[in-house]
Amino acid sequence: MHLLDKIIDKRIAAYQSDLLATHYAEVENMYRQIRSWRHDYRNHIQVLGSYARMGDMESLKAYLKELSADLEAVDMALKTGNKMTDVILNSKISLARSRDITVRADAHVPVSLTTSELDLCIIMGNLFDNAIEACMELPKEDRLIRVYMDMKNTQLYMSFTNTTAQRKQKKEAGRFRTTKGMGHGHGLVRVDTIVERYQGYISRNSEDGAFTTEILLPQ
């Protein structure tokens, strides 16, 4: 095997290892939330049972009202209309929020897309991971990720914006430099390659402590 092939294989293995570690962290965080909710609602049921046994209907109604409001706050699941998009975005949103990052997401995606699920996963996964990494350089109160997805005529539009510690990033050879160090940045290249293959459009902009990536994919 040539030296170049060995280097490529090593980088692919490292990339796959990073993906696996990230996915594990996302799933573990979601399970942790589920365990917490189950524990809390056992207590809620006990309280409701106590009010019922005492015949205190006013307290029972008031507690149910509070519980209903709490359920709305707990239900953070983003429903875009497309199952694969739901899976990817919700796992990333869960991971971001576990790291004290505020996430504001508004996404509406058709059930059927010509973009393959694998390509969609690579694009959204990389954009979200980069946004999370950039936010972690900031104090908790300044961490913010905005996600917007919708159809614009016959094209799927995606916009990912995150706050960043750098006021304005600079481009090198026409690209924004990755902050991950030597050997990284392959995710961004993969995103560019996928967008080019679909004859889509991608734009990146760094301004006033925020970094935005916009993508249009024909459908």
N, C-alpha and C. Protein backbone atom coordinates (compact mmCIF):
# COMPACT_ATOMS: atom_id res chain seq x y z
N MET A 1 0.84 -1.19 0.00
CA MET A 1 0.00 0.00 0.00
C MET A 1 0.88 1.25 0.00
N HIS A 2 0.56 2.21 -0.84
CA HIS A 2 1.33 3.43 -0.91
C HIS A 2 1.15 4.25 0.36
N LEU A 3 2.14 5.12 0.62
CA LEU A 3 2.10 5.97 1.81
C LEU A 3 0.86 6.85 1.82
N LEU A 4 0.51 7.40 0.63
CA LEU A 4 -0.67 8.28 0.54
C LEU A 4 -1.94 7.52 0.90
N ASP A 5 -2.05 6.28 0.44
CA ASP A 5 -3.23 5.45 0.75
C ASP A 5 -3.32 5.20 2.26
N LYS A 6 -2.15 4.95 2.88
CA LYS A 6 -2.13 4.72 4.33
C LYS A 6 -2.58 5.95 5.09
N ILE A 7 -2.14 7.13 4.63
CA ILE A 7 -2.53 8.38 5.29
C ILE A 7 -4.03 8.60 5.15
N ILE A 8 -4.57 8.35 3.95
CA ILE A 8 -6.01 8.52 3.70
C ILE A 8 -6.81 7.56 4.57
N ASP A 9 -6.38 6.28 4.62
CA ASP A 9 -7.08 5.29 5.45
C ASP A 9 -7.06 5.69 6.92
N LYS A 10 -5.92 6.22 7.37
CA LYS A 10 -5.80 6.63 8.77
C LYS A 10 -6.74 7.79 9.08
N ARG A 11 -6.85 8.73 8.13
CA ARG A 11 -7.73 9.89 8.34
C ARG A 11 -9.20 9.47 8.31
N ILE A 12 -9.54 8.53 7.42
CA ILE A 12 -10.91 8.03 7.35
C ILE A 12 -11.28 7.32 8.65
N ALA A 13 -10.34 6.51 9.17
CA ALA A 13 -10.58 5.79 10.43
C ALA A 13 -10.79 6.77 11.58
N ALA A 14 -9.97 7.83 11.60
CA ALA A 14 -10.10 8.84 12.66
C ALA A 14 -11.43 9.57 12.54
N TYR A 15 -11.83 9.87 11.30
CA TYR A 15 -13.10 10.56 11.06
C TYR A 15 -14.27 9.70 11.52
N GLN A 16 -14.22 8.40 11.19
CA GLN A 16 -15.29 7.49 11.60
C GLN A 16 -15.32 7.34 13.11
N SER A 17 -14.16 7.32 13.75
CA SER A 17 -14.09 7.22 15.20
C SER A 17 -14.72 8.44 15.86
N ASP A 18 -14.45 9.63 15.30
CA ASP A 18 -15.04 10.87 15.81
C ASP A 18 -16.56 10.84 15.69
N LEU A 19 -17.05 10.35 14.53
CA LEU A 19 -18.49 10.27 14.31
C LEU A 19 -19.14 9.34 15.32
N LEU A 20 -18.50 8.17 15.57
CA LEU A 20 -19.03 7.20 16.52
C LEU A 20 -19.08 7.78 17.93
N ALA A 21 -18.00 8.47 18.33
CA ALA A 21 -17.95 9.06 19.67
C ALA A 21 -19.03 10.13 19.83
N THR A 22 -19.21 10.94 18.81
CA THR A 22 -20.23 11.99 18.85
C THR A 22 -21.62 11.39 18.94
N HIS A 23 -21.88 10.36 18.11
CA HIS A 23 -23.19 9.72 18.11
C HIS A 23 -23.47 9.08 19.47
N TYR A 24 -22.47 8.45 20.07
CA TYR A 24 -22.63 7.83 21.39
C TYR A 24 -23.00 8.88 22.42
N ALA A 25 -22.32 10.02 22.37
CA ALA A 25 -22.60 11.10 23.34
C ALA A 25 -24.03 11.61 23.18
N GLU A 26 -24.49 11.73 21.92
CA GLU A 26 -25.85 12.21 21.66
C GLU A 26 -26.88 11.23 22.21
N VAL A 27 -26.70 9.94 21.93
CA VAL A 27 -27.65 8.93 22.38
C VAL A 27 -27.65 8.83 23.91
N GLU A 28 -26.47 8.85 24.51
CA GLU A 28 -26.36 8.76 25.96
C GLU A 28 -27.05 9.94 26.63
N ASN A 29 -26.91 11.13 26.04
CA ASN A 29 -27.57 12.31 26.60
C ASN A 29 -29.09 12.19 26.53
N MET A 30 -29.62 11.66 25.42
CA MET A 30 -31.06 11.50 25.27
C MET A 30 -31.58 10.46 26.28
N TYR A 31 -30.85 9.37 26.48
CA TYR A 31 -31.25 8.36 27.46
C TYR A 31 -31.22 8.94 28.88
N ARG A 32 -30.24 9.79 29.16
CA ARG A 32 -30.14 10.42 30.47
C ARG A 32 -31.36 11.29 30.74
N GLN A 33 -31.80 12.03 29.71
CA GLN A 33 -32.99 12.86 29.86
C GLN A 33 -34.23 12.01 30.10
N ILE A 34 -34.35 10.90 29.36
CA ILE A 34 -35.51 10.02 29.51
C ILE A 34 -35.56 9.45 30.93
N ARG A 35 -34.39 9.01 31.46
CA ARG A 35 -34.35 8.47 32.82
C ARG A 35 -34.76 9.52 33.83
N SER A 36 -34.33 10.76 33.62
CA SER A 36 -34.68 11.85 34.52
C SER A 36 -36.18 12.12 34.50
N TRP A 37 -36.76 12.15 33.29
CA TRP A 37 -38.20 12.41 33.17
C TRP A 37 -39.01 11.31 33.82
N ARG A 38 -38.58 10.04 33.65
CA ARG A 38 -39.31 8.92 34.26
C ARG A 38 -39.30 9.04 35.78
N HIS A 39 -38.16 9.41 36.33
CA HIS A 39 -38.04 9.56 37.79
C HIS A 39 -38.95 10.68 38.28
N ASP A 40 -38.94 11.81 37.58
CA ASP A 40 -39.76 12.95 37.98
C ASP A 40 -41.25 12.61 37.96
N TYR A 41 -41.66 11.90 36.90
CA TYR A 41 -43.10 11.67 36.77
C TYR A 41 -43.63 10.58 37.69
N ARG A 42 -42.76 9.75 38.22
CA ARG A 42 -43.18 8.85 39.30
C ARG A 42 -43.60 9.69 40.52
N ASN A 43 -42.78 10.71 40.80
CA ASN A 43 -43.10 11.59 41.92
C ASN A 43 -44.39 12.36 41.66
N HIS A 44 -44.57 12.82 40.43
CA HIS A 44 -45.80 13.55 40.09
C HIS A 44 -47.03 12.69 40.30
N ILE A 45 -46.96 11.43 39.88
CA ILE A 45 -48.09 10.50 40.03
C ILE A 45 -48.43 10.30 41.51
N GLN A 46 -47.39 10.20 42.34
CA GLN A 46 -47.62 10.03 43.77
C GLN A 46 -48.33 11.24 44.37
N VAL A 47 -47.92 12.44 43.95
CA VAL A 47 -48.55 13.67 44.44
C VAL A 47 -50.01 13.72 44.01
N LEU A 48 -50.27 13.42 42.73
CA LEU A 48 -51.64 13.42 42.22
C LEU A 48 -52.50 12.40 42.96
N GLY A 49 -51.93 11.23 43.23
CA GLY A 49 -52.66 10.20 43.98
C GLY A 49 -53.03 10.67 45.37
N SER A 50 -52.11 11.40 46.02
CA SER A 50 -52.37 11.91 47.37
C SER A 50 -53.52 12.91 47.37
N TYR A 51 -53.50 13.84 46.39
CA TYR A 51 -54.59 14.81 46.29
C TYR A 51 -55.93 14.10 46.04
N ALA A 52 -55.90 13.05 45.18
CA ALA A 52 -57.13 12.32 44.86
C ALA A 52 -57.69 11.62 46.10
N ARG A 53 -56.81 11.00 46.90
CA ARG A 53 -57.26 10.29 48.10
C ARG A 53 -57.84 11.24 49.13
N MET A 54 -57.29 12.46 49.17
CA MET A 54 -57.79 13.46 50.13
C MET A 54 -59.04 14.16 49.60
N GLY A 55 -59.35 13.95 48.33
CA GLY A 55 -60.51 14.63 47.75
C GLY A 55 -60.27 16.10 47.49
N ASP A 56 -59.01 16.52 47.45
CA ASP A 56 -58.66 17.93 47.23
C ASP A 56 -58.60 18.19 45.72
N MET A 57 -59.76 18.41 45.11
CA MET A 57 -59.84 18.54 43.66
C MET A 57 -59.22 19.84 43.16
N GLU A 58 -59.30 20.90 43.98
CA GLU A 58 -58.71 22.18 43.55
C GLU A 58 -57.19 22.07 43.43
N SER A 59 -56.57 21.44 44.43
CA SER A 59 -55.11 21.24 44.37
C SER A 59 -54.75 20.29 43.24
N LEU A 60 -55.60 19.30 43.01
CA LEU A 60 -55.36 18.34 41.93
C LEU A 60 -55.39 19.03 40.58
N LYS A 61 -56.38 19.91 40.37
CA LYS A 61 -56.50 20.64 39.10
C LYS A 61 -55.31 21.59 38.91
N ALA A 62 -54.92 22.26 39.98
CA ALA A 62 -53.81 23.21 39.90
C ALA A 62 -52.51 22.49 39.56
N TYR A 63 -52.31 21.31 40.18
CA TYR A 63 -51.08 20.54 39.92
C TYR A 63 -51.06 20.02 38.49
N LEU A 64 -52.23 19.57 38.01
CA LEU A 64 -52.32 19.10 36.63
C LEU A 64 -52.02 20.22 35.65
N LYS A 65 -52.45 21.43 35.97
CA LYS A 65 -52.18 22.58 35.10
C LYS A 65 -50.68 22.85 35.03
N GLU A 66 -50.01 22.81 36.19
CA GLU A 66 -48.56 23.01 36.22
C GLU A 66 -47.84 21.90 35.47
N LEU A 67 -48.35 20.68 35.62
CA LEU A 67 -47.74 19.53 34.96
C LEU A 67 -47.87 19.63 33.45
N SER A 68 -49.02 20.14 32.99
CA SER A 68 -49.23 20.32 31.56
C SER A 68 -48.25 21.33 30.99
N ALA A 69 -48.03 22.43 31.72
CA ALA A 69 -47.07 23.44 31.28
C ALA A 69 -45.66 22.87 31.24
N ASP A 70 -45.34 22.03 32.24
CA ASP A 70 -44.02 21.41 32.30
C ASP A 70 -43.81 20.46 31.12
N LEU A 71 -44.85 19.74 30.75
CA LEU A 71 -44.77 18.82 29.61
C LEU A 71 -44.47 19.57 28.32
N GLU A 72 -45.07 20.73 28.15
CA GLU A 72 -44.82 21.53 26.95
C GLU A 72 -43.37 21.99 26.90
N ALA A 73 -42.82 22.30 28.07
CA ALA A 73 -41.41 22.72 28.11
C ALA A 73 -40.48 21.55 27.84
N VAL A 74 -40.86 20.35 28.31
CA VAL A 74 -40.04 19.16 28.11
C VAL A 74 -40.03 18.71 26.67
N ASP A 75 -41.16 18.88 25.97
CA ASP A 75 -41.28 18.41 24.60
C ASP A 75 -40.51 19.31 23.65
N MET A 76 -39.19 19.06 23.58
CA MET A 76 -38.32 19.88 22.74
C MET A 76 -38.18 19.29 21.34
N ALA A 77 -38.84 18.17 21.10
CA ALA A 77 -38.66 17.48 19.83
C ALA A 77 -39.07 18.38 18.67
N LEU A 78 -38.17 18.51 17.73
CA LEU A 78 -38.44 19.30 16.53
C LEU A 78 -39.05 18.39 15.47
N LYS A 79 -40.19 18.76 14.97
CA LYS A 79 -40.88 17.96 13.95
C LYS A 79 -40.86 18.74 12.64
N THR A 80 -40.01 18.31 11.73
CA THR A 80 -39.81 19.04 10.48
C THR A 80 -40.76 18.56 9.38
N GLY A 81 -41.25 17.32 9.50
CA GLY A 81 -42.04 16.72 8.43
C GLY A 81 -41.27 15.63 7.70
N ASN A 82 -39.95 15.56 7.95
CA ASN A 82 -39.09 14.56 7.32
C ASN A 82 -38.39 13.77 8.44
N LYS A 83 -38.58 12.45 8.48
CA LYS A 83 -38.10 11.63 9.59
C LYS A 83 -36.59 11.70 9.77
N MET A 84 -35.84 11.57 8.67
CA MET A 84 -34.38 11.59 8.78
C MET A 84 -33.89 12.93 9.33
N THR A 85 -34.48 14.01 8.85
CA THR A 85 -34.10 15.34 9.34
C THR A 85 -34.42 15.46 10.83
N ASP A 86 -35.58 14.92 11.24
CA ASP A 86 -35.96 14.94 12.65
C ASP A 86 -34.92 14.24 13.51
N VAL A 87 -34.50 13.05 13.08
CA VAL A 87 -33.53 12.26 13.85
C VAL A 87 -32.22 13.01 14.02
N ILE A 88 -31.70 13.55 12.92
CA ILE A 88 -30.41 14.24 12.97
C ILE A 88 -30.49 15.49 13.82
N LEU A 89 -31.46 16.36 13.52
CA LEU A 89 -31.55 17.63 14.22
C LEU A 89 -31.83 17.46 15.71
N ASN A 90 -32.74 16.55 16.06
CA ASN A 90 -33.07 16.38 17.47
C ASN A 90 -31.91 15.83 18.29
N SER A 91 -31.13 14.93 17.70
CA SER A 91 -29.98 14.40 18.43
C SER A 91 -28.93 15.50 18.63
N LYS A 92 -28.73 16.34 17.62
CA LYS A 92 -27.76 17.43 17.73
C LYS A 92 -28.25 18.52 18.69
N ILE A 93 -29.56 18.83 18.63
CA ILE A 93 -30.12 19.83 19.54
C ILE A 93 -29.97 19.36 20.98
N SER A 94 -30.26 18.08 21.22
CA SER A 94 -30.11 17.51 22.56
C SER A 94 -28.68 17.63 23.05
N LEU A 95 -27.72 17.31 22.18
CA LEU A 95 -26.31 17.39 22.55
C LEU A 95 -25.91 18.83 22.86
N ALA A 96 -26.35 19.77 22.00
CA ALA A 96 -26.00 21.19 22.20
C ALA A 96 -26.56 21.71 23.52
N ARG A 97 -27.82 21.40 23.80
CA ARG A 97 -28.44 21.89 25.04
C ARG A 97 -27.78 21.27 26.27
N SER A 98 -27.28 20.04 26.15
CA SER A 98 -26.59 19.42 27.28
C SER A 98 -25.27 20.14 27.58
N ARG A 99 -24.81 20.93 26.61
CA ARG A 99 -23.58 21.71 26.78
C ARG A 99 -23.87 23.20 26.99
N ASP A 100 -25.10 23.47 27.46
CA ASP A 100 -25.51 24.84 27.79
C ASP A 100 -25.45 25.78 26.60
N ILE A 101 -25.86 25.27 25.44
CA ILE A 101 -25.95 26.09 24.24
C ILE A 101 -27.43 26.31 23.93
N THR A 102 -27.83 27.56 23.79
CA THR A 102 -29.21 27.87 23.40
C THR A 102 -29.38 27.55 21.92
N VAL A 103 -30.43 26.80 21.60
CA VAL A 103 -30.69 26.44 20.20
C VAL A 103 -32.07 26.95 19.81
N ARG A 104 -32.13 27.68 18.72
CA ARG A 104 -33.41 28.13 18.16
C ARG A 104 -33.53 27.53 16.76
N ALA A 105 -34.50 26.66 16.61
CA ALA A 105 -34.63 25.93 15.35
C ALA A 105 -36.03 26.07 14.76
N ASP A 106 -36.08 26.32 13.48
CA ASP A 106 -37.34 26.39 12.74
C ASP A 106 -37.10 25.65 11.42
N ALA A 107 -37.67 24.47 11.29
CA ALA A 107 -37.39 23.64 10.12
C ALA A 107 -38.67 23.01 9.58
N HIS A 108 -38.83 23.12 8.26
CA HIS A 108 -39.97 22.52 7.56
C HIS A 108 -39.43 21.84 6.31
N VAL A 109 -39.47 20.52 6.31
CA VAL A 109 -38.85 19.76 5.23
C VAL A 109 -39.85 18.76 4.65
N PRO A 110 -39.94 18.65 3.34
CA PRO A 110 -40.88 17.69 2.73
C PRO A 110 -40.55 16.25 3.13
N VAL A 111 -41.58 15.41 3.13
CA VAL A 111 -41.38 14.00 3.45
C VAL A 111 -40.42 13.35 2.46
N SER A 112 -40.56 13.69 1.19
CA SER A 112 -39.72 13.10 0.14
C SER A 112 -38.74 14.12 -0.41
N LEU A 113 -37.47 13.74 -0.43
CA LEU A 113 -36.41 14.59 -0.97
C LEU A 113 -35.58 13.80 -1.97
N THR A 114 -35.03 14.49 -2.97
CA THR A 114 -34.12 13.82 -3.90
C THR A 114 -32.72 13.71 -3.29
N THR A 115 -32.40 14.58 -2.34
CA THR A 115 -31.13 14.48 -1.62
C THR A 115 -31.13 13.20 -0.80
N SER A 116 -30.07 12.40 -0.91
CA SER A 116 -30.02 11.14 -0.18
C SER A 116 -29.93 11.39 1.32
N GLU A 117 -30.43 10.43 2.11
CA GLU A 117 -30.39 10.56 3.57
C GLU A 117 -28.95 10.64 4.08
N LEU A 118 -28.06 9.87 3.46
CA LEU A 118 -26.65 9.89 3.87
C LEU A 118 -26.04 11.26 3.66
N ASP A 119 -26.29 11.85 2.48
CA ASP A 119 -25.74 13.18 2.19
C ASP A 119 -26.33 14.23 3.13
N LEU A 120 -27.62 14.12 3.41
CA LEU A 120 -28.27 15.07 4.31
C LEU A 120 -27.68 14.96 5.71
N CYS A 121 -27.40 13.73 6.13
CA CYS A 121 -26.80 13.48 7.45
C CYS A 121 -25.42 14.11 7.53
N ILE A 122 -24.62 13.93 6.48
CA ILE A 122 -23.26 14.48 6.47
C ILE A 122 -23.29 16.00 6.53
N ILE A 123 -24.17 16.61 5.74
CA ILE A 123 -24.25 18.07 5.70
C ILE A 123 -24.68 18.64 7.05
N MET A 124 -25.84 18.19 7.54
CA MET A 124 -26.37 18.74 8.78
C MET A 124 -25.50 18.39 9.98
N GLY A 125 -24.98 17.15 10.00
CA GLY A 125 -24.12 16.74 11.10
C GLY A 125 -22.87 17.59 11.22
N ASN A 126 -22.21 17.83 10.09
CA ASN A 126 -20.99 18.64 10.11
C ASN A 126 -21.27 20.09 10.47
N LEU A 127 -22.34 20.67 9.91
CA LEU A 127 -22.66 22.06 10.22
C LEU A 127 -22.97 22.23 11.70
N PHE A 128 -23.74 21.29 12.25
CA PHE A 128 -24.11 21.39 13.67
C PHE A 128 -22.89 21.16 14.57
N ASP A 129 -22.06 20.17 14.23
CA ASP A 129 -20.87 19.90 15.04
C ASP A 129 -19.93 21.09 15.07
N ASN A 130 -19.74 21.74 13.92
CA ASN A 130 -18.87 22.92 13.86
C ASN A 130 -19.45 24.06 14.69
N ALA A 131 -20.79 24.21 14.64
CA ALA A 131 -21.44 25.27 15.41
C ALA A 131 -21.28 25.03 16.90
N ILE A 132 -21.45 23.78 17.32
CA ILE A 132 -21.29 23.43 18.74
C ILE A 132 -19.86 23.71 19.20
N GLU A 133 -18.89 23.30 18.39
CA GLU A 133 -17.49 23.50 18.77
C GLU A 133 -17.16 24.98 18.92
N ALA A 134 -17.66 25.81 18.00
CA ALA A 134 -17.40 27.25 18.07
C ALA A 134 -18.03 27.86 19.31
N CYS A 135 -19.24 27.43 19.65
CA CYS A 135 -19.94 27.97 20.81
C CYS A 135 -19.23 27.64 22.11
N MET A 136 -18.56 26.49 22.17
CA MET A 136 -17.92 26.06 23.41
C MET A 136 -16.74 26.95 23.79
N GLU A 137 -16.30 27.82 22.90
CA GLU A 137 -15.23 28.76 23.21
C GLU A 137 -15.76 30.01 23.92
N LEU A 138 -17.10 30.10 24.04
CA LEU A 138 -17.74 31.28 24.61
C LEU A 138 -18.29 30.99 26.01
N PRO A 139 -18.54 32.04 26.81
CA PRO A 139 -19.25 31.84 28.08
C PRO A 139 -20.66 31.30 27.82
N LYS A 140 -21.24 30.59 28.78
CA LYS A 140 -22.54 29.95 28.58
C LYS A 140 -23.60 30.91 28.09
N GLU A 141 -23.61 32.13 28.64
CA GLU A 141 -24.67 33.08 28.30
C GLU A 141 -24.57 33.60 26.86
N ASP A 142 -23.44 33.37 26.20
CA ASP A 142 -23.25 33.87 24.84
C ASP A 142 -23.36 32.77 23.78
N ARG A 143 -23.62 31.54 24.20
CA ARG A 143 -23.68 30.42 23.25
C ARG A 143 -25.06 30.34 22.59
N LEU A 144 -25.06 30.40 21.26
CA LEU A 144 -26.33 30.38 20.54
C LEU A 144 -26.16 29.76 19.16
N ILE A 145 -27.08 28.89 18.80
CA ILE A 145 -27.13 28.30 17.45
C ILE A 145 -28.53 28.51 16.90
N ARG A 146 -28.61 29.04 15.69
CA ARG A 146 -29.90 29.21 15.01
C ARG A 146 -29.91 28.31 13.77
N VAL A 147 -30.98 27.54 13.63
CA VAL A 147 -31.13 26.66 12.47
C VAL A 147 -32.44 26.99 11.77
N TYR A 148 -32.36 27.16 10.46
CA TYR A 148 -33.59 27.39 9.68
C TYR A 148 -33.53 26.54 8.42
N MET A 149 -34.62 25.80 8.17
CA MET A 149 -34.70 24.98 6.97
C MET A 149 -36.10 25.08 6.38
N ASP A 150 -36.17 25.24 5.07
CA ASP A 150 -37.48 25.32 4.41
C ASP A 150 -37.25 25.17 2.91
N MET A 151 -38.34 24.96 2.19
CA MET A 151 -38.26 24.90 0.74
C MET A 151 -38.38 26.31 0.15
N LYS A 152 -37.52 26.60 -0.80
CA LYS A 152 -37.63 27.84 -1.56
C LYS A 152 -37.84 27.44 -3.02
N ASN A 153 -39.10 27.50 -3.44
CA ASN A 153 -39.49 26.97 -4.75
C ASN A 153 -39.15 25.49 -4.82
N THR A 154 -38.20 25.10 -5.68
CA THR A 154 -37.85 23.68 -5.82
C THR A 154 -36.51 23.36 -5.16
N GLN A 155 -36.06 24.21 -4.24
CA GLN A 155 -34.77 24.00 -3.59
C GLN A 155 -34.92 23.95 -2.07
N LEU A 156 -34.15 23.05 -1.46
CA LEU A 156 -34.12 22.96 0.00
C LEU A 156 -33.10 23.97 0.51
N TYR A 157 -33.57 24.88 1.35
CA TYR A 157 -32.72 25.93 1.91
C TYR A 157 -32.35 25.60 3.35
N MET A 158 -31.06 25.70 3.67
CA MET A 158 -30.56 25.48 5.03
C MET A 158 -29.72 26.66 5.47
N SER A 159 -29.94 27.10 6.71
CA SER A 159 -29.13 28.17 7.28
C SER A 159 -28.74 27.80 8.71
N PHE A 160 -27.43 27.75 8.97
CA PHE A 160 -26.91 27.47 10.31
C PHE A 160 -26.08 28.68 10.75
N THR A 161 -26.47 29.29 11.87
CA THR A 161 -25.73 30.43 12.41
C THR A 161 -25.33 30.14 13.85
N ASN A 162 -24.10 30.43 14.19
CA ASN A 162 -23.64 30.26 15.57
C ASN A 162 -22.81 31.44 16.01
N THR A 163 -22.88 31.75 17.29
CA THR A 163 -22.00 32.77 17.84
C THR A 163 -20.59 32.21 17.91
N THR A 164 -19.62 33.08 17.86
CA THR A 164 -18.22 32.66 17.85
C THR A 164 -17.36 33.65 18.61
N ALA A 165 -16.26 33.17 19.17
CA ALA A 165 -15.36 34.04 19.92
C ALA A 165 -14.59 34.99 19.01
N GLN A 166 -14.46 34.64 17.75
CA GLN A 166 -13.74 35.47 16.80
C GLN A 166 -14.70 36.50 16.19
N ARG A 167 -14.32 37.76 16.25
CA ARG A 167 -15.20 38.80 15.72
C ARG A 167 -15.43 38.65 14.22
N LYS A 168 -14.36 38.34 13.50
CA LYS A 168 -14.48 38.14 12.06
C LYS A 168 -13.39 37.18 11.61
N GLN A 169 -13.78 36.00 11.11
CA GLN A 169 -12.81 35.02 10.66
C GLN A 169 -12.29 35.40 9.27
N LYS A 170 -11.05 34.99 9.02
CA LYS A 170 -10.43 35.30 7.74
C LYS A 170 -10.35 34.05 6.87
N LYS A 171 -10.42 34.28 5.57
CA LYS A 171 -10.30 33.18 4.62
C LYS A 171 -8.84 32.98 4.22
N GLU A 172 -8.50 31.72 3.98
CA GLU A 172 -7.18 31.37 3.46
C GLU A 172 -7.38 30.53 2.21
N ALA A 173 -6.86 30.96 1.09
CA ALA A 173 -7.03 30.27 -0.20
C ALA A 173 -8.52 30.09 -0.51
N GLY A 174 -9.31 31.12 -0.19
CA GLY A 174 -10.73 31.08 -0.52
C GLY A 174 -11.60 30.33 0.47
N ARG A 175 -11.02 29.79 1.55
CA ARG A 175 -11.78 29.03 2.54
C ARG A 175 -11.54 29.59 3.93
N PHE A 176 -12.56 29.46 4.80
CA PHE A 176 -12.37 29.82 6.20
C PHE A 176 -11.52 28.74 6.86
N ARG A 177 -10.52 29.18 7.61
CA ARG A 177 -9.59 28.25 8.24
C ARG A 177 -10.25 27.54 9.41
N THR A 178 -10.07 26.21 9.47
CA THR A 178 -10.61 25.45 10.59
C THR A 178 -9.79 25.73 11.84
N THR A 179 -10.47 25.70 13.01
CA THR A 179 -9.77 25.92 14.28
C THR A 179 -9.39 24.59 14.93
N LYS A 180 -9.61 23.46 14.23
CA LYS A 180 -9.40 22.14 14.83
C LYS A 180 -7.95 21.66 14.73
N GLY A 181 -7.13 22.37 13.97
CA GLY A 181 -5.73 21.97 13.88
C GLY A 181 -5.43 21.12 12.65
N MET A 182 -4.19 20.69 12.54
CA MET A 182 -3.71 19.91 11.41
C MET A 182 -4.49 18.61 11.25
N GLY A 183 -4.86 18.31 9.99
CA GLY A 183 -5.55 17.05 9.71
C GLY A 183 -7.05 17.13 9.82
N HIS A 184 -7.58 18.26 10.24
CA HIS A 184 -9.02 18.40 10.39
C HIS A 184 -9.57 19.24 9.23
N GLY A 185 -10.86 19.48 9.26
CA GLY A 185 -11.48 20.27 8.21
C GLY A 185 -12.02 19.43 7.08
N HIS A 186 -11.88 18.08 7.18
CA HIS A 186 -12.37 17.21 6.12
C HIS A 186 -13.90 17.27 6.02
N GLY A 187 -14.56 17.52 7.15
CA GLY A 187 -16.01 17.60 7.15
C GLY A 187 -16.51 18.71 6.26
N LEU A 188 -15.85 19.86 6.33
CA LEU A 188 -16.25 20.99 5.50
C LEU A 188 -16.03 20.69 4.02
N VAL A 189 -14.96 20.01 3.72
CA VAL A 189 -14.67 19.65 2.33
C VAL A 189 -15.74 18.68 1.82
N ARG A 190 -16.15 17.74 2.65
CA ARG A 190 -17.20 16.78 2.26
C ARG A 190 -18.52 17.51 1.98
N VAL A 191 -18.84 18.49 2.82
CA VAL A 191 -20.06 19.28 2.60
C VAL A 191 -19.99 19.99 1.26
N ASP A 192 -18.85 20.64 0.98
CA ASP A 192 -18.68 21.35 -0.29
C ASP A 192 -18.82 20.39 -1.47
N THR A 193 -18.24 19.20 -1.34
CA THR A 193 -18.28 18.22 -2.43
C THR A 193 -19.71 17.76 -2.70
N ILE A 194 -20.48 17.53 -1.63
CA ILE A 194 -21.87 17.09 -1.79
C ILE A 194 -22.71 18.18 -2.45
N VAL A 195 -22.56 19.41 -1.99
CA VAL A 195 -23.33 20.52 -2.56
C VAL A 195 -22.99 20.68 -4.04
N GLU A 196 -21.71 20.56 -4.37
CA GLU A 196 -21.29 20.68 -5.77
C GLU A 196 -21.87 19.55 -6.62
N ARG A 197 -21.92 18.34 -6.06
CA ARG A 197 -22.47 17.20 -6.80
C ARG A 197 -23.95 17.39 -7.13
N TYR A 198 -24.68 18.04 -6.23
CA TYR A 198 -26.10 18.30 -6.49
C TYR A 198 -26.31 19.59 -7.29
N GLN A 199 -25.19 20.22 -7.67
CA GLN A 199 -25.24 21.50 -8.38
C GLN A 199 -26.00 22.54 -7.55
N GLY A 200 -25.71 22.51 -6.27
CA GLY A 200 -26.35 23.44 -5.35
C GLY A 200 -25.50 24.67 -5.11
N TYR A 201 -25.83 25.40 -4.04
CA TYR A 201 -25.16 26.66 -3.72
C TYR A 201 -24.81 26.65 -2.24
N ILE A 202 -23.60 27.10 -1.91
CA ILE A 202 -23.19 27.22 -0.51
C ILE A 202 -22.49 28.55 -0.29
N SER A 203 -22.81 29.18 0.83
CA SER A 203 -22.21 30.47 1.18
C SER A 203 -21.86 30.46 2.65
N ARG A 204 -20.68 30.94 2.98
CA ARG A 204 -20.27 31.07 4.38
C ARG A 204 -19.92 32.53 4.65
N ASN A 205 -20.34 33.02 5.81
CA ASN A 205 -20.10 34.42 6.13
C ASN A 205 -19.75 34.58 7.60
N SER A 206 -18.69 35.33 7.88
CA SER A 206 -18.27 35.60 9.25
C SER A 206 -18.35 37.09 9.49
N GLU A 207 -19.18 37.47 10.48
CA GLU A 207 -19.39 38.90 10.73
C GLU A 207 -19.91 39.11 12.15
N ASP A 208 -19.32 40.11 12.86
CA ASP A 208 -19.83 40.55 14.16
C ASP A 208 -20.02 39.40 15.16
N GLY A 209 -19.03 38.54 15.29
CA GLY A 209 -19.09 37.48 16.28
C GLY A 209 -20.07 36.37 15.97
N ALA A 210 -20.45 36.24 14.70
CA ALA A 210 -21.36 35.16 14.29
C ALA A 210 -20.87 34.56 12.98
N PHE A 211 -21.09 33.26 12.84
CA PHE A 211 -20.69 32.56 11.62
C PHE A 211 -21.93 31.90 11.02
N THR A 212 -22.17 32.13 9.74
CA THR A 212 -23.37 31.61 9.08
C THR A 212 -23.01 30.82 7.84
N THR A 213 -23.63 29.67 7.67
CA THR A 213 -23.52 28.87 6.47
C THR A 213 -24.91 28.72 5.86
N GLU A 214 -25.03 29.04 4.57
CA GLU A 214 -26.29 28.89 3.85
C GLU A 214 -26.10 27.93 2.70
N ILE A 215 -27.08 27.06 2.51
CA ILE A 215 -27.00 26.03 1.46
C ILE A 215 -28.34 25.94 0.73
N LEU A 216 -28.27 25.81 -0.58
CA LEU A 216 -29.45 25.55 -1.40
C LEU A 216 -29.20 24.26 -2.17
N LEU A 217 -30.13 23.31 -2.07
CA LEU A 217 -30.00 22.05 -2.79
C LEU A 217 -31.22 21.83 -3.68
N PRO A 218 -31.05 21.73 -5.00
CA PRO A 218 -32.18 21.47 -5.89
C PRO A 218 -32.86 20.16 -5.55
N GLN A 219 -34.20 20.13 -5.65
CA GLN A 219 -34.97 18.90 -5.35
C GLN A 219 -35.81 18.51 -6.56
